[in-house]
Amino acid sequence: MRPIAIVVGLVIAGCSAGCSGSPEVDAGQVERAADFHSPRVEATIESASRVVRTRGFASDGAEQRGFLVDQATEVRSIPMRTGSCWVILAAGSSALRELDLLVFDADGAEVARDGEQGAMAVVRFCPAQNGTYYASLRAAAGSGLYALRTFRGPTGLAFRVDDVVRAVGPTPAAAE
């Protein structure tokens, strides 16, 4: 009986170092959707950003990236102040056929939404009061990578959201 106890002890000691059933993953090597890039998404968001900047808006914060599955929603908080307007841009990969972008106030009331169809969404919003607002990005059809950028500019600028979409135009599927 004694040799069996030794074998069991060795098995238990050996397993405590790595028999959990799943491979060990170095936390520094975990890949996140924000680490992935799509040439189509990058070209679209960059082209739209150039148009928004020519309209007098400046980048406000870091670009955010992610992956949305069909019908999923991600929400990002954006602190906003009166006296400025914000433009929020989102672009998705070709498999994300329809992106919906909505802005909500702290009470959950919808204050703005994009009116465009397709894998690009643009909203311009000038808050009536200071506070944190929430940009909700939903994959209304399809799944894929996305990028989201925010821009801030003065009120009173002539700006049409559909001009941004028209200026960007369709992105070739071959760029995907």
N, C-alpha and C. Protein backbone atom coordinates (compact mmCIF):
# COMPACT_ATOMS: atom_id res chain seq x y z
N MET A 1 0.82 -1.20 0.00
CA MET A 1 0.00 0.00 0.00
C MET A 1 0.86 1.25 0.00
N ARG A 2 1.98 1.15 0.59
CA ARG A 2 2.84 2.30 0.70
C ARG A 2 3.28 2.82 -0.69
N PRO A 3 3.67 1.97 -1.67
CA PRO A 3 4.05 2.47 -2.99
C PRO A 3 2.90 3.21 -3.68
N ILE A 4 1.67 2.79 -3.46
CA ILE A 4 0.53 3.47 -4.07
C ILE A 4 0.40 4.87 -3.50
N ALA A 5 0.58 5.03 -2.22
CA ALA A 5 0.50 6.34 -1.59
C ALA A 5 1.57 7.26 -2.15
N ILE A 6 2.75 6.72 -2.42
CA ILE A 6 3.82 7.54 -2.98
C ILE A 6 3.45 7.97 -4.40
N VAL A 7 2.90 7.07 -5.20
CA VAL A 7 2.50 7.39 -6.58
C VAL A 7 1.41 8.45 -6.58
N VAL A 8 0.41 8.27 -5.72
CA VAL A 8 -0.68 9.25 -5.63
C VAL A 8 -0.13 10.61 -5.20
N GLY A 9 0.77 10.60 -4.25
CA GLY A 9 1.39 11.85 -3.80
C GLY A 9 2.15 12.54 -4.91
N LEU A 10 2.87 11.78 -5.71
CA LEU A 10 3.61 12.36 -6.83
C LEU A 10 2.66 12.91 -7.90
N VAL A 11 1.58 12.21 -8.17
CA VAL A 11 0.61 12.67 -9.16
C VAL A 11 -0.03 13.98 -8.68
N ILE A 12 -0.41 14.02 -7.43
CA ILE A 12 -1.02 15.24 -6.89
C ILE A 12 -0.03 16.39 -6.91
N ALA A 13 1.19 16.15 -6.53
CA ALA A 13 2.21 17.20 -6.54
C ALA A 13 2.49 17.69 -7.95
N GLY A 14 2.53 16.76 -8.90
CA GLY A 14 2.77 17.14 -10.29
C GLY A 14 1.61 17.92 -10.88
N CYS A 15 0.40 17.54 -10.55
CA CYS A 15 -0.78 18.23 -11.09
C CYS A 15 -0.98 19.60 -10.49
N SER A 16 -0.53 19.81 -9.28
CA SER A 16 -0.73 21.12 -8.68
C SER A 16 0.02 22.19 -9.45
N ALA A 17 0.99 21.77 -10.27
CA ALA A 17 1.77 22.72 -11.05
C ALA A 17 1.17 22.98 -12.42
N GLY A 18 0.12 22.25 -12.81
CA GLY A 18 -0.41 22.54 -14.14
C GLY A 18 -1.39 21.54 -14.70
N CYS A 19 -2.22 20.90 -13.91
CA CYS A 19 -3.22 19.96 -14.42
C CYS A 19 -4.62 20.55 -14.33
N SER A 20 -4.75 21.84 -14.53
CA SER A 20 -6.05 22.48 -14.39
C SER A 20 -6.97 22.22 -15.56
N GLY A 21 -6.46 21.62 -16.63
CA GLY A 21 -7.31 21.33 -17.78
C GLY A 21 -7.27 22.42 -18.83
N SER A 22 -6.70 23.56 -18.53
CA SER A 22 -6.59 24.62 -19.53
C SER A 22 -5.16 25.13 -19.54
N PRO A 23 -4.66 25.47 -20.72
CA PRO A 23 -3.28 25.94 -20.78
C PRO A 23 -3.12 27.28 -20.09
N GLU A 24 -1.94 27.49 -19.54
CA GLU A 24 -1.68 28.77 -18.90
C GLU A 24 -1.49 29.83 -19.96
N VAL A 25 -2.04 31.01 -19.71
CA VAL A 25 -1.93 32.12 -20.65
C VAL A 25 -1.27 33.28 -19.93
N ASP A 26 -0.22 33.80 -20.51
CA ASP A 26 0.45 34.96 -19.97
C ASP A 26 -0.48 36.16 -20.17
N ALA A 27 -0.80 36.87 -19.10
CA ALA A 27 -1.72 38.00 -19.18
C ALA A 27 -1.26 39.04 -20.19
N GLY A 28 0.04 39.16 -20.40
CA GLY A 28 0.56 40.11 -21.37
C GLY A 28 0.33 39.69 -22.81
N GLN A 29 -0.06 38.43 -23.02
CA GLN A 29 -0.26 37.91 -24.37
C GLN A 29 -1.73 37.75 -24.73
N VAL A 30 -2.65 38.08 -23.85
CA VAL A 30 -4.06 37.94 -24.14
C VAL A 30 -4.44 38.92 -25.25
N GLU A 31 -5.03 38.40 -26.31
CA GLU A 31 -5.45 39.27 -27.41
C GLU A 31 -6.86 39.75 -27.16
N ARG A 32 -7.09 41.01 -27.45
CA ARG A 32 -8.40 41.62 -27.30
C ARG A 32 -8.84 42.15 -28.65
N ALA A 33 -10.13 42.32 -28.82
CA ALA A 33 -10.65 42.82 -30.09
C ALA A 33 -10.02 44.17 -30.44
N ALA A 34 -9.71 44.97 -29.44
CA ALA A 34 -9.12 46.28 -29.69
C ALA A 34 -7.73 46.18 -30.31
N ASP A 35 -7.11 44.99 -30.21
CA ASP A 35 -5.79 44.79 -30.79
C ASP A 35 -5.85 44.45 -32.28
N PHE A 36 -7.01 44.08 -32.77
CA PHE A 36 -7.16 43.67 -34.15
C PHE A 36 -7.49 44.87 -35.02
N HIS A 37 -7.00 44.86 -36.23
CA HIS A 37 -7.23 45.96 -37.14
C HIS A 37 -7.75 45.44 -38.47
N SER A 38 -8.61 46.21 -39.08
CA SER A 38 -9.14 45.89 -40.39
C SER A 38 -8.75 47.04 -41.32
N PRO A 39 -8.11 46.75 -42.44
CA PRO A 39 -7.76 47.83 -43.38
C PRO A 39 -8.98 48.64 -43.81
N ARG A 40 -10.11 47.99 -43.98
CA ARG A 40 -11.33 48.70 -44.39
C ARG A 40 -11.79 49.66 -43.29
N VAL A 41 -11.81 49.18 -42.07
CA VAL A 41 -12.23 50.02 -40.94
C VAL A 41 -11.29 51.21 -40.81
N GLU A 42 -9.99 50.95 -40.86
CA GLU A 42 -9.01 52.02 -40.70
C GLU A 42 -9.13 53.06 -41.83
N ALA A 43 -9.31 52.60 -43.06
CA ALA A 43 -9.44 53.54 -44.18
C ALA A 43 -10.70 54.38 -44.05
N THR A 44 -11.80 53.76 -43.67
CA THR A 44 -13.07 54.47 -43.54
C THR A 44 -13.04 55.48 -42.41
N ILE A 45 -12.56 55.07 -41.24
CA ILE A 45 -12.56 55.98 -40.09
C ILE A 45 -11.57 57.12 -40.32
N GLU A 46 -10.46 56.84 -40.98
CA GLU A 46 -9.48 57.89 -41.25
C GLU A 46 -10.02 58.90 -42.26
N SER A 47 -10.66 58.41 -43.30
CA SER A 47 -11.23 59.29 -44.32
C SER A 47 -12.33 60.18 -43.72
N ALA A 48 -13.20 59.58 -42.92
CA ALA A 48 -14.27 60.35 -42.27
C ALA A 48 -13.69 61.35 -41.28
N SER A 49 -12.64 60.97 -40.58
CA SER A 49 -12.00 61.88 -39.61
C SER A 49 -11.43 63.11 -40.31
N ARG A 50 -10.83 62.91 -41.47
CA ARG A 50 -10.30 64.06 -42.22
C ARG A 50 -11.41 65.05 -42.56
N VAL A 51 -12.55 64.53 -42.98
CA VAL A 51 -13.69 65.39 -43.33
C VAL A 51 -14.15 66.16 -42.10
N VAL A 52 -14.29 65.49 -40.97
CA VAL A 52 -14.75 66.14 -39.73
C VAL A 52 -13.75 67.21 -39.29
N ARG A 53 -12.46 66.93 -39.40
CA ARG A 53 -11.46 67.93 -39.02
C ARG A 53 -11.51 69.16 -39.93
N THR A 54 -11.80 68.97 -41.22
CA THR A 54 -11.91 70.13 -42.11
C THR A 54 -13.12 70.98 -41.78
N ARG A 55 -14.06 70.44 -41.02
CA ARG A 55 -15.24 71.19 -40.61
C ARG A 55 -15.03 71.92 -39.29
N GLY A 56 -13.80 71.89 -38.75
CA GLY A 56 -13.49 72.65 -37.54
C GLY A 56 -13.52 71.85 -36.25
N PHE A 57 -13.61 70.54 -36.33
CA PHE A 57 -13.65 69.70 -35.13
C PHE A 57 -12.27 69.09 -34.89
N ALA A 58 -11.93 68.89 -33.61
CA ALA A 58 -10.65 68.29 -33.23
C ALA A 58 -10.91 66.99 -32.49
N SER A 59 -10.00 66.06 -32.63
CA SER A 59 -10.12 64.77 -31.96
C SER A 59 -10.25 64.98 -30.45
N ASP A 60 -11.12 64.23 -29.82
CA ASP A 60 -11.37 64.36 -28.39
C ASP A 60 -11.29 62.97 -27.76
N GLY A 61 -10.09 62.54 -27.42
CA GLY A 61 -9.92 61.23 -26.80
C GLY A 61 -9.35 60.22 -27.78
N ALA A 62 -9.02 59.09 -27.24
CA ALA A 62 -8.41 58.02 -28.03
C ALA A 62 -9.46 57.27 -28.83
N GLU A 63 -9.02 56.74 -29.97
CA GLU A 63 -9.89 55.88 -30.76
C GLU A 63 -10.19 54.62 -29.94
N GLN A 64 -11.40 54.15 -30.05
CA GLN A 64 -11.79 52.93 -29.36
C GLN A 64 -12.12 51.87 -30.40
N ARG A 65 -11.70 50.65 -30.13
CA ARG A 65 -11.91 49.55 -31.06
C ARG A 65 -12.57 48.39 -30.32
N GLY A 66 -13.19 47.54 -31.09
CA GLY A 66 -13.80 46.37 -30.49
C GLY A 66 -14.38 45.45 -31.55
N PHE A 67 -15.10 44.46 -31.08
CA PHE A 67 -15.76 43.49 -31.94
C PHE A 67 -17.18 43.36 -31.45
N LEU A 68 -18.13 43.47 -32.35
CA LEU A 68 -19.54 43.31 -32.01
C LEU A 68 -20.10 42.10 -32.74
N VAL A 69 -20.87 41.29 -32.02
CA VAL A 69 -21.60 40.21 -32.67
C VAL A 69 -22.99 40.72 -33.01
N ASP A 70 -23.63 40.07 -33.94
CA ASP A 70 -24.96 40.47 -34.42
C ASP A 70 -25.90 40.76 -33.25
N GLN A 71 -26.49 41.93 -33.24
CA GLN A 71 -27.46 42.43 -32.26
C GLN A 71 -26.83 42.83 -30.91
N ALA A 72 -25.51 42.76 -30.79
CA ALA A 72 -24.85 43.17 -29.54
C ALA A 72 -24.65 44.68 -29.52
N THR A 73 -24.52 45.22 -28.32
CA THR A 73 -24.34 46.65 -28.12
C THR A 73 -23.17 46.89 -27.18
N GLU A 74 -22.38 47.91 -27.48
CA GLU A 74 -21.36 48.39 -26.55
C GLU A 74 -21.65 49.84 -26.26
N VAL A 75 -21.42 50.24 -25.02
CA VAL A 75 -21.71 51.60 -24.59
C VAL A 75 -20.43 52.23 -24.07
N ARG A 76 -20.17 53.45 -24.51
CA ARG A 76 -19.00 54.22 -24.09
C ARG A 76 -19.47 55.52 -23.47
N SER A 77 -18.86 55.90 -22.33
CA SER A 77 -19.24 57.17 -21.71
C SER A 77 -18.37 58.29 -22.29
N ILE A 78 -19.00 59.46 -22.46
CA ILE A 78 -18.30 60.62 -23.01
C ILE A 78 -18.70 61.84 -22.18
N PRO A 79 -17.76 62.43 -21.43
CA PRO A 79 -18.09 63.66 -20.71
C PRO A 79 -18.23 64.81 -21.72
N MET A 80 -19.31 65.55 -21.62
CA MET A 80 -19.56 66.66 -22.55
C MET A 80 -19.96 67.91 -21.78
N ARG A 81 -19.62 69.05 -22.38
CA ARG A 81 -19.95 70.34 -21.78
C ARG A 81 -20.72 71.19 -22.78
N THR A 82 -21.57 72.04 -22.26
CA THR A 82 -22.27 72.98 -23.13
C THR A 82 -21.24 73.93 -23.75
N GLY A 83 -21.61 74.54 -24.84
CA GLY A 83 -20.69 75.45 -25.52
C GLY A 83 -19.84 74.75 -26.56
N SER A 84 -19.95 73.43 -26.66
CA SER A 84 -19.25 72.65 -27.67
C SER A 84 -20.22 71.66 -28.29
N CYS A 85 -19.86 71.20 -29.47
CA CYS A 85 -20.61 70.13 -30.13
C CYS A 85 -19.67 68.96 -30.33
N TRP A 86 -20.21 67.78 -30.38
CA TRP A 86 -19.43 66.57 -30.58
C TRP A 86 -19.90 65.86 -31.84
N VAL A 87 -18.93 65.29 -32.52
CA VAL A 87 -19.22 64.39 -33.63
C VAL A 87 -18.65 63.04 -33.22
N ILE A 88 -19.47 62.02 -33.31
CA ILE A 88 -19.04 60.66 -33.00
C ILE A 88 -19.11 59.86 -34.29
N LEU A 89 -17.99 59.24 -34.65
CA LEU A 89 -17.89 58.43 -35.87
C LEU A 89 -17.68 56.98 -35.49
N ALA A 90 -18.31 56.09 -36.23
CA ALA A 90 -18.05 54.66 -36.07
C ALA A 90 -17.99 54.03 -37.45
N ALA A 91 -17.06 53.12 -37.62
CA ALA A 91 -16.94 52.38 -38.88
C ALA A 91 -16.74 50.92 -38.56
N GLY A 92 -17.39 50.06 -39.34
CA GLY A 92 -17.30 48.62 -39.11
C GLY A 92 -16.72 47.90 -40.31
N SER A 93 -16.27 46.67 -40.06
CA SER A 93 -15.76 45.83 -41.14
C SER A 93 -16.91 45.40 -42.04
N SER A 94 -16.58 44.80 -43.17
CA SER A 94 -17.59 44.49 -44.18
C SER A 94 -18.67 43.53 -43.68
N ALA A 95 -18.35 42.67 -42.73
CA ALA A 95 -19.35 41.74 -42.20
C ALA A 95 -20.33 42.43 -41.26
N LEU A 96 -20.00 43.63 -40.79
CA LEU A 96 -20.91 44.43 -39.98
C LEU A 96 -21.72 45.29 -40.95
N ARG A 97 -22.81 44.75 -41.42
CA ARG A 97 -23.57 45.39 -42.49
C ARG A 97 -24.35 46.62 -42.04
N GLU A 98 -24.72 46.68 -40.77
CA GLU A 98 -25.50 47.82 -40.26
C GLU A 98 -25.08 48.15 -38.83
N LEU A 99 -24.55 49.36 -38.65
CA LEU A 99 -24.21 49.87 -37.32
C LEU A 99 -25.22 50.94 -36.94
N ASP A 100 -25.71 50.88 -35.73
CA ASP A 100 -26.59 51.93 -35.20
C ASP A 100 -25.85 52.63 -34.07
N LEU A 101 -25.82 53.95 -34.11
CA LEU A 101 -25.15 54.75 -33.09
C LEU A 101 -26.19 55.68 -32.47
N LEU A 102 -26.35 55.58 -31.15
CA LEU A 102 -27.28 56.43 -30.42
C LEU A 102 -26.55 57.08 -29.26
N VAL A 103 -27.01 58.25 -28.85
CA VAL A 103 -26.44 58.95 -27.70
C VAL A 103 -27.55 59.13 -26.68
N PHE A 104 -27.23 58.80 -25.43
CA PHE A 104 -28.17 58.91 -24.32
C PHE A 104 -27.62 59.84 -23.26
N ASP A 105 -28.52 60.52 -22.54
CA ASP A 105 -28.07 61.33 -21.41
C ASP A 105 -28.01 60.46 -20.16
N ALA A 106 -27.63 61.05 -19.03
CA ALA A 106 -27.45 60.29 -17.79
C ALA A 106 -28.74 59.69 -17.27
N ASP A 107 -29.89 60.22 -17.69
CA ASP A 107 -31.18 59.67 -17.26
C ASP A 107 -31.67 58.56 -18.19
N GLY A 108 -30.89 58.28 -19.23
CA GLY A 108 -31.27 57.21 -20.16
C GLY A 108 -32.14 57.67 -21.32
N ALA A 109 -32.33 58.98 -21.45
CA ALA A 109 -33.14 59.49 -22.56
C ALA A 109 -32.27 59.59 -23.82
N GLU A 110 -32.79 59.13 -24.93
CA GLU A 110 -32.08 59.24 -26.20
C GLU A 110 -32.05 60.71 -26.62
N VAL A 111 -30.85 61.21 -26.93
CA VAL A 111 -30.70 62.62 -27.31
C VAL A 111 -30.22 62.79 -28.75
N ALA A 112 -29.69 61.71 -29.36
CA ALA A 112 -29.25 61.79 -30.76
C ALA A 112 -29.11 60.37 -31.30
N ARG A 113 -29.24 60.25 -32.64
CA ARG A 113 -29.03 58.96 -33.29
C ARG A 113 -28.59 59.18 -34.72
N ASP A 114 -27.86 58.20 -35.24
CA ASP A 114 -27.44 58.32 -36.64
C ASP A 114 -28.61 57.94 -37.54
N GLY A 115 -28.64 58.53 -38.70
CA GLY A 115 -29.70 58.24 -39.66
C GLY A 115 -29.18 57.53 -40.89
N GLU A 116 -27.95 57.06 -40.83
CA GLU A 116 -27.33 56.43 -41.99
C GLU A 116 -27.54 54.93 -41.97
N GLN A 117 -27.50 54.34 -43.16
CA GLN A 117 -27.56 52.89 -43.30
C GLN A 117 -26.16 52.39 -43.62
N GLY A 118 -25.83 51.20 -43.17
CA GLY A 118 -24.55 50.60 -43.53
C GLY A 118 -23.60 50.49 -42.36
N ALA A 119 -22.34 50.22 -42.70
CA ALA A 119 -21.32 49.93 -41.70
C ALA A 119 -20.63 51.18 -41.18
N MET A 120 -21.21 52.35 -41.44
CA MET A 120 -20.67 53.60 -40.91
C MET A 120 -21.80 54.36 -40.23
N ALA A 121 -21.48 54.95 -39.09
CA ALA A 121 -22.47 55.73 -38.35
C ALA A 121 -21.83 57.04 -37.90
N VAL A 122 -22.59 58.13 -38.00
CA VAL A 122 -22.11 59.45 -37.62
C VAL A 122 -23.22 60.18 -36.88
N VAL A 123 -22.86 60.76 -35.74
CA VAL A 123 -23.81 61.56 -34.96
C VAL A 123 -23.15 62.88 -34.61
N ARG A 124 -23.89 63.97 -34.73
CA ARG A 124 -23.45 65.28 -34.23
C ARG A 124 -24.40 65.65 -33.11
N PHE A 125 -23.83 66.07 -31.97
CA PHE A 125 -24.65 66.39 -30.81
C PHE A 125 -24.06 67.56 -30.06
N CYS A 126 -24.91 68.54 -29.73
CA CYS A 126 -24.53 69.72 -28.94
C CYS A 126 -25.33 69.67 -27.64
N PRO A 127 -24.72 69.30 -26.52
CA PRO A 127 -25.47 69.11 -25.28
C PRO A 127 -26.03 70.42 -24.72
N ALA A 128 -27.21 70.33 -24.17
CA ALA A 128 -27.86 71.47 -23.53
C ALA A 128 -27.37 71.66 -22.10
N GLN A 129 -26.78 70.60 -21.52
CA GLN A 129 -26.23 70.71 -20.17
C GLN A 129 -24.98 69.85 -20.04
N ASN A 130 -24.11 70.25 -19.11
CA ASN A 130 -22.88 69.51 -18.85
C ASN A 130 -23.23 68.14 -18.27
N GLY A 131 -22.38 67.16 -18.55
CA GLY A 131 -22.60 65.85 -17.95
C GLY A 131 -21.95 64.74 -18.74
N THR A 132 -22.19 63.55 -18.27
CA THR A 132 -21.70 62.37 -18.97
C THR A 132 -22.82 61.85 -19.86
N TYR A 133 -22.47 61.64 -21.10
CA TYR A 133 -23.40 61.08 -22.08
C TYR A 133 -22.88 59.72 -22.50
N TYR A 134 -23.73 58.93 -23.10
CA TYR A 134 -23.37 57.56 -23.42
C TYR A 134 -23.62 57.27 -24.90
N ALA A 135 -22.55 56.89 -25.59
CA ALA A 135 -22.65 56.50 -26.99
C ALA A 135 -22.87 54.99 -27.03
N SER A 136 -23.97 54.60 -27.63
CA SER A 136 -24.34 53.19 -27.73
C SER A 136 -24.17 52.76 -29.18
N LEU A 137 -23.30 51.79 -29.41
CA LEU A 137 -23.03 51.29 -30.75
C LEU A 137 -23.58 49.87 -30.83
N ARG A 138 -24.49 49.63 -31.78
CA ARG A 138 -25.14 48.32 -31.90
C ARG A 138 -24.92 47.73 -33.28
N ALA A 139 -24.61 46.45 -33.31
CA ALA A 139 -24.51 45.71 -34.57
C ALA A 139 -25.93 45.29 -34.95
N ALA A 140 -26.60 46.11 -35.75
CA ALA A 140 -27.98 45.82 -36.13
C ALA A 140 -28.06 44.69 -37.14
N ALA A 141 -26.99 44.48 -37.90
CA ALA A 141 -26.94 43.36 -38.86
C ALA A 141 -25.49 42.98 -39.08
N GLY A 142 -25.16 41.76 -38.75
CA GLY A 142 -23.82 41.25 -38.96
C GLY A 142 -22.95 41.37 -37.71
N SER A 143 -21.74 40.86 -37.84
CA SER A 143 -20.76 40.88 -36.75
C SER A 143 -19.42 41.31 -37.32
N GLY A 144 -18.61 41.98 -36.51
CA GLY A 144 -17.29 42.36 -36.99
C GLY A 144 -16.60 43.39 -36.13
N LEU A 145 -15.43 43.77 -36.60
CA LEU A 145 -14.63 44.78 -35.93
C LEU A 145 -15.20 46.17 -36.15
N TYR A 146 -14.94 47.07 -35.21
CA TYR A 146 -15.33 48.46 -35.39
C TYR A 146 -14.28 49.38 -34.77
N ALA A 147 -14.32 50.62 -35.19
CA ALA A 147 -13.52 51.69 -34.58
C ALA A 147 -14.47 52.85 -34.32
N LEU A 148 -14.25 53.56 -33.22
CA LEU A 148 -15.10 54.68 -32.85
C LEU A 148 -14.20 55.84 -32.45
N ARG A 149 -14.48 57.02 -32.98
CA ARG A 149 -13.74 58.24 -32.64
C ARG A 149 -14.72 59.34 -32.27
N THR A 150 -14.28 60.20 -31.37
CA THR A 150 -15.08 61.37 -31.00
C THR A 150 -14.29 62.64 -31.32
N PHE A 151 -15.02 63.68 -31.69
CA PHE A 151 -14.44 64.97 -32.03
C PHE A 151 -15.25 66.05 -31.33
N ARG A 152 -14.57 67.14 -30.97
CA ARG A 152 -15.23 68.26 -30.31
C ARG A 152 -14.97 69.52 -31.12
N GLY A 153 -15.98 70.35 -31.20
CA GLY A 153 -15.84 71.62 -31.92
C GLY A 153 -16.81 72.65 -31.38
N PRO A 154 -16.69 73.87 -31.85
CA PRO A 154 -17.57 74.94 -31.36
C PRO A 154 -18.98 74.77 -31.92
N THR A 155 -19.93 75.37 -31.23
CA THR A 155 -21.31 75.37 -31.73
C THR A 155 -21.39 76.36 -32.90
N GLY A 156 -22.43 76.27 -33.67
CA GLY A 156 -22.65 77.23 -34.74
C GLY A 156 -21.93 76.91 -36.05
N LEU A 157 -21.15 75.85 -36.09
CA LEU A 157 -20.49 75.49 -37.35
C LEU A 157 -21.48 74.82 -38.28
N ALA A 158 -21.41 75.17 -39.54
CA ALA A 158 -22.24 74.49 -40.53
C ALA A 158 -21.70 73.08 -40.70
N PHE A 159 -22.52 72.10 -40.38
CA PHE A 159 -22.06 70.72 -40.42
C PHE A 159 -23.23 69.81 -40.71
N ARG A 160 -23.09 69.02 -41.75
CA ARG A 160 -24.12 68.04 -42.08
C ARG A 160 -23.50 66.65 -42.01
N VAL A 161 -24.13 65.79 -41.23
CA VAL A 161 -23.63 64.44 -41.04
C VAL A 161 -23.58 63.68 -42.37
N ASP A 162 -24.60 63.87 -43.21
CA ASP A 162 -24.61 63.13 -44.47
C ASP A 162 -23.48 63.56 -45.40
N ASP A 163 -22.93 64.78 -45.20
CA ASP A 163 -21.76 65.21 -45.96
C ASP A 163 -20.55 64.32 -45.67
N VAL A 164 -20.41 63.91 -44.42
CA VAL A 164 -19.29 63.05 -44.03
C VAL A 164 -19.42 61.71 -44.74
N VAL A 165 -20.60 61.14 -44.71
CA VAL A 165 -20.83 59.84 -45.33
C VAL A 165 -20.62 59.92 -46.84
N ARG A 166 -21.14 60.98 -47.47
CA ARG A 166 -20.97 61.15 -48.92
C ARG A 166 -19.50 61.35 -49.29
N ALA A 167 -18.78 62.11 -48.48
CA ALA A 167 -17.37 62.39 -48.78
C ALA A 167 -16.52 61.13 -48.66
N VAL A 168 -16.87 60.25 -47.75
CA VAL A 168 -16.11 59.01 -47.58
C VAL A 168 -16.40 58.06 -48.73
N GLY A 169 -17.66 57.95 -49.11
CA GLY A 169 -18.05 57.05 -50.19
C GLY A 169 -17.82 55.60 -49.83
N PRO A 170 -18.14 54.71 -50.76
CA PRO A 170 -17.97 53.27 -50.48
C PRO A 170 -16.50 52.91 -50.45
N THR A 171 -16.17 52.00 -49.56
CA THR A 171 -14.81 51.50 -49.46
C THR A 171 -14.74 50.17 -50.19
N PRO A 172 -13.75 49.98 -51.04
CA PRO A 172 -13.67 48.75 -51.79
C PRO A 172 -13.58 47.53 -50.88
N ALA A 173 -14.35 46.49 -51.19
CA ALA A 173 -14.33 45.27 -50.40
C ALA A 173 -12.97 44.60 -50.47
N ALA A 174 -12.22 44.87 -51.52
CA ALA A 174 -10.89 44.26 -51.66
C ALA A 174 -9.94 44.73 -50.59
N ALA A 175 -10.21 45.89 -49.98
CA ALA A 175 -9.33 46.40 -48.93
C ALA A 175 -9.47 45.60 -47.64
N GLU A 176 -10.49 44.81 -47.53
CA GLU A 176 -10.73 44.01 -46.34
C GLU A 176 -9.63 43.01 -46.21
